[in-house]
Amino acid sequence: MAPPSISALSEDKRALRREMAEKRAALSEEDRRARSEAASVRLLGLAELALPRGLAVAGYVAAKGEIDPALALADLVARGALVAFPRVSAEAPRLRFHRADAGPLVAGAFGLLEPSATAAELGLDALDVVIVPGLAFDAQGRRLGFGGGYYDGAFGAGAPGSRDKRAVRIGLAFDFQIVPCCPAGEGDVPVDAVVTEARVLRPAAGAR
């Protein structure tokens, strides 16, 4: 079967983004919190995070109904991990990661909370694990982002930096955000695993 055209792929992505945004918005705060806590427990059970002391873990601050990794991140910090949050930059890579413990977060691009410009930056090579948000994922690790290309630009093949070490990319999502086949093009960077409140998916081994 021939791959979809660029226009067809773009339309598939737009339609799926709308669908998933509506499903997330329909969750009650209580349901969102319970699902987020369950997903955090599964996240903390991953082998990649079993020994967090000294690990550099990039997370994110949940917004717009996203599943919230706050519980997992707090646990990792308590057990010796260094946590960083993304900060949007005007220069490539447009997504950079700064220490989350360097003072109050500030409103950045798109109104999202991020570390201040004075917070120490961690280079991409310094990161061990990156917890990646998204609107949809599939069992093969394909990811549908929010359309800005920030994570793809940071972790794609053409991203700047020495890239001597590649961080493990772990998608975090509500289970209803797992779809049979996530629309993705050549420039869309996949994840190594996906964690939901109900399961862990790994492209090499399928669901478990």
Protein backbone atom coordinates (compact mmCIF):
# COMPACT_ATOMS: atom_id res chain seq x y z
CA MET A 1 0.00 0.00 0.00
CA ALA A 2 1.34 3.42 -0.95
CA PRO A 3 2.06 5.84 1.93
CA PRO A 4 -0.50 8.63 2.39
CA SER A 5 0.14 11.96 0.70
CA ILE A 6 1.38 14.86 2.78
CA SER A 7 -2.03 16.52 2.62
CA ALA A 8 -3.82 13.31 3.65
CA LEU A 9 -1.38 12.76 6.51
CA SER A 10 -1.88 16.33 7.72
CA GLU A 11 -5.65 15.92 7.67
CA ASP A 12 -5.43 12.61 9.55
CA LYS A 13 -3.31 14.32 12.19
CA ARG A 14 -5.69 17.27 12.53
CA ALA A 15 -8.70 14.98 12.91
CA LEU A 16 -6.99 12.82 15.54
CA ARG A 17 -5.79 15.88 17.45
CA ARG A 18 -9.35 17.19 17.62
CA GLU A 19 -10.70 13.82 18.74
CA MET A 20 -8.13 13.36 21.48
CA ALA A 21 -8.38 16.93 22.72
CA GLU A 22 -12.14 16.48 23.09
CA LYS A 23 -11.73 13.20 24.96
CA ARG A 24 -9.22 14.73 27.36
CA ALA A 25 -11.45 17.74 27.94
CA ALA A 26 -14.34 15.44 28.83
CA LEU A 27 -12.48 13.94 31.80
CA SER A 28 -13.44 15.16 35.26
CA GLU A 29 -10.64 16.49 37.45
CA GLU A 30 -11.11 13.53 39.79
CA ASP A 31 -10.82 11.05 36.94
CA ARG A 32 -7.81 12.84 35.46
CA ARG A 33 -6.07 12.82 38.83
CA ALA A 34 -6.78 9.13 39.46
CA ARG A 35 -5.59 8.12 36.00
CA SER A 36 -2.47 10.29 36.33
CA GLU A 37 -1.59 8.69 39.67
CA ALA A 38 -2.04 5.19 38.26
CA ALA A 39 0.14 6.04 35.25
CA SER A 40 2.81 7.47 37.56
CA VAL A 41 2.92 4.20 39.48
CA ARG A 42 3.43 2.28 36.24
CA LEU A 43 6.06 4.78 35.12
CA LEU A 44 8.02 4.35 38.34
CA GLY A 45 7.94 0.58 37.80
CA LEU A 46 9.95 0.77 34.57
CA ALA A 47 13.44 -0.72 34.61
CA GLU A 48 14.81 2.56 33.22
CA LEU A 49 13.75 4.35 36.42
CA ALA A 50 14.42 1.59 38.94
CA LEU A 51 17.65 3.22 40.18
CA PRO A 52 16.96 6.94 39.87
CA ARG A 53 19.86 8.29 41.95
CA GLY A 54 22.02 10.36 39.62
CA LEU A 55 19.64 10.03 36.65
CA ALA A 56 18.73 13.15 34.66
CA VAL A 57 15.04 12.88 33.81
CA ALA A 58 13.18 15.37 31.63
CA GLY A 59 9.51 15.68 32.48
CA TYR A 60 6.86 18.30 31.80
CA VAL A 61 4.23 20.36 33.58
CA ALA A 62 0.79 19.09 32.63
CA ALA A 63 -1.52 21.56 30.90
CA LYS A 64 -4.68 21.55 28.79
CA GLY A 65 -5.97 18.31 30.28
CA GLU A 66 -2.76 16.30 29.83
CA ILE A 67 -1.99 13.30 31.97
CA ASP A 68 0.10 14.58 34.88
CA PRO A 69 3.52 13.05 35.71
CA ALA A 70 3.92 15.19 38.87
CA LEU A 71 3.61 12.28 41.30
CA ALA A 72 6.28 10.25 39.51
CA LEU A 73 8.60 13.23 39.17
CA ALA A 74 8.33 14.06 42.88
CA ASP A 75 9.17 10.46 43.77
CA LEU A 76 12.19 10.49 41.45
CA VAL A 77 13.50 13.69 43.00
CA ALA A 78 13.06 12.24 46.49
CA ARG A 79 15.16 9.24 45.44
CA GLY A 80 18.00 11.29 44.00
CA ALA A 81 17.13 12.01 40.38
CA LEU A 82 17.68 15.37 38.73
CA VAL A 83 14.51 16.55 37.00
CA ALA A 84 14.38 19.06 34.16
CA PHE A 85 11.45 20.72 32.41
CA PRO A 86 11.26 21.92 28.79
CA ARG A 87 11.68 25.55 27.89
CA VAL A 88 10.88 26.93 24.44
CA SER A 89 13.75 28.74 22.72
CA ALA A 90 13.83 31.00 19.68
CA GLU A 91 16.94 29.14 18.46
CA ALA A 92 17.41 25.52 17.48
CA PRO A 93 16.80 23.26 19.18
CA ARG A 94 13.62 25.15 20.01
CA LEU A 95 12.96 22.80 22.92
CA ARG A 96 15.60 22.93 25.65
CA PHE A 97 15.65 21.44 29.12
CA HIS A 98 16.42 23.34 32.31
CA ARG A 99 16.59 22.25 35.93
CA ALA A 100 13.19 22.19 37.59
CA ASP A 101 14.56 22.97 41.06
CA ALA A 102 16.02 26.39 40.22
CA GLY A 103 13.16 28.50 41.55
CA PRO A 104 9.54 29.21 40.64
CA LEU A 105 8.31 28.29 37.18
CA VAL A 106 7.23 31.10 34.88
CA ALA A 107 4.68 31.40 32.07
CA GLY A 108 6.44 30.83 28.78
CA ALA A 109 5.41 30.26 25.20
CA PHE A 110 1.74 29.38 24.75
CA GLY A 111 1.18 30.17 28.45
CA LEU A 112 2.83 26.92 29.56
CA LEU A 113 4.81 26.86 32.80
CA GLU A 114 8.54 26.43 32.32
CA PRO A 115 11.81 27.13 34.18
CA SER A 116 13.11 30.67 34.11
CA ALA A 117 15.85 31.67 31.68
CA THR A 118 18.35 31.69 34.56
CA ALA A 119 17.79 28.02 35.43
CA ALA A 120 20.73 25.79 34.50
CA GLU A 121 20.28 24.10 31.14
CA LEU A 122 20.92 20.40 30.64
CA GLY A 123 22.18 19.51 27.19
CA LEU A 124 20.39 16.76 25.30
CA ASP A 125 23.38 14.48 25.85
CA ALA A 126 23.01 14.92 29.61
CA LEU A 127 19.51 13.47 29.70
CA ASP A 128 19.00 9.81 30.56
CA VAL A 129 15.21 9.60 30.27
CA VAL A 130 12.69 11.92 28.62
CA ILE A 131 9.01 11.66 29.51
CA VAL A 132 7.23 12.77 26.37
CA PRO A 133 3.68 14.14 26.23
CA GLY A 134 1.51 13.64 23.17
CA LEU A 135 -2.02 13.51 21.85
CA ALA A 136 -1.85 9.93 20.56
CA PHE A 137 0.53 6.97 20.43
CA ASP A 138 0.47 3.43 19.09
CA ALA A 139 2.10 0.13 20.07
CA GLN A 140 4.90 0.70 17.55
CA GLY A 141 5.99 3.88 19.37
CA ARG A 142 4.65 6.32 16.81
CA ARG A 143 3.57 9.61 18.38
CA LEU A 144 1.21 12.40 17.44
CA GLY A 145 2.38 15.67 18.97
CA PHE A 146 0.74 19.05 19.15
CA GLY A 147 1.89 20.23 15.74
CA GLY A 148 4.81 22.48 16.64
CA GLY A 149 7.55 19.92 16.05
CA TYR A 150 9.37 20.80 19.27
CA TYR A 151 10.15 17.28 20.46
CA ASP A 152 10.83 16.09 16.93
CA GLY A 153 13.26 18.96 16.42
CA ALA A 154 15.07 18.24 19.66
CA PHE A 155 15.39 14.48 19.28
CA GLY A 156 15.32 13.91 15.53
CA ALA A 157 18.27 12.84 13.42
CA GLY A 158 19.12 16.39 12.39
CA ALA A 159 19.02 17.88 15.89
CA PRO A 160 22.08 19.95 16.88
CA GLY A 161 24.50 18.73 19.52
CA SER A 162 27.03 15.96 19.78
CA ARG A 163 24.39 13.29 20.58
CA ASP A 164 26.99 10.97 22.07
CA LYS A 165 24.23 9.51 24.24
CA ARG A 166 20.57 9.12 23.35
CA ALA A 167 18.01 9.48 26.11
CA VAL A 168 15.31 6.84 26.48
CA ARG A 169 12.04 8.41 25.30
CA ILE A 170 8.94 7.34 27.21
CA GLY A 171 5.52 8.51 26.06
CA LEU A 172 2.94 9.20 28.76
CA ALA A 173 -0.76 9.21 27.92
CA PHE A 174 -4.25 8.23 28.95
CA ASP A 175 -5.08 4.75 27.73
CA PHE A 176 -7.73 6.06 25.33
CA GLN A 177 -4.94 7.93 23.55
CA ILE A 178 -3.49 4.64 22.29
CA VAL A 179 -4.68 4.10 18.72
CA PRO A 180 -4.21 1.16 16.30
CA CYS A 181 -2.00 3.19 13.96
CA CYS A 182 -0.83 6.70 14.80
CA PRO A 183 -0.38 8.93 11.72
CA ALA A 184 3.32 9.80 11.43
CA GLY A 185 5.69 11.01 8.75
CA GLU A 186 9.42 10.64 8.25
CA GLY A 187 10.26 13.53 10.56
CA ASP A 188 8.10 12.31 13.46
CA VAL A 189 10.35 10.87 16.17
CA PRO A 190 9.03 7.70 17.86
CA VAL A 191 9.25 6.81 21.54
CA ASP A 192 10.85 3.72 23.08
CA ALA A 193 7.89 2.92 25.32
CA VAL A 194 4.44 4.25 26.14
CA VAL A 195 2.97 4.26 29.64
CA THR A 196 -0.73 4.69 30.43
CA GLU A 197 -2.79 4.16 33.56
CA ALA A 198 -3.57 0.64 32.34
CA ARG A 199 -0.46 -0.74 30.62
CA VAL A 200 3.05 -0.38 29.28
CA LEU A 201 3.67 -0.66 25.54
CA ARG A 202 7.08 -1.36 24.06
CA PRO A 203 7.53 -1.40 20.27
CA ALA A 204 9.88 -4.39 20.35
CA ALA A 205 7.69 -6.54 22.57
CA GLY A 206 4.16 -5.17 22.10
CA ALA A 207 1.90 -4.61 25.06
CA ARG A 208 2.47 -6.06 28.52
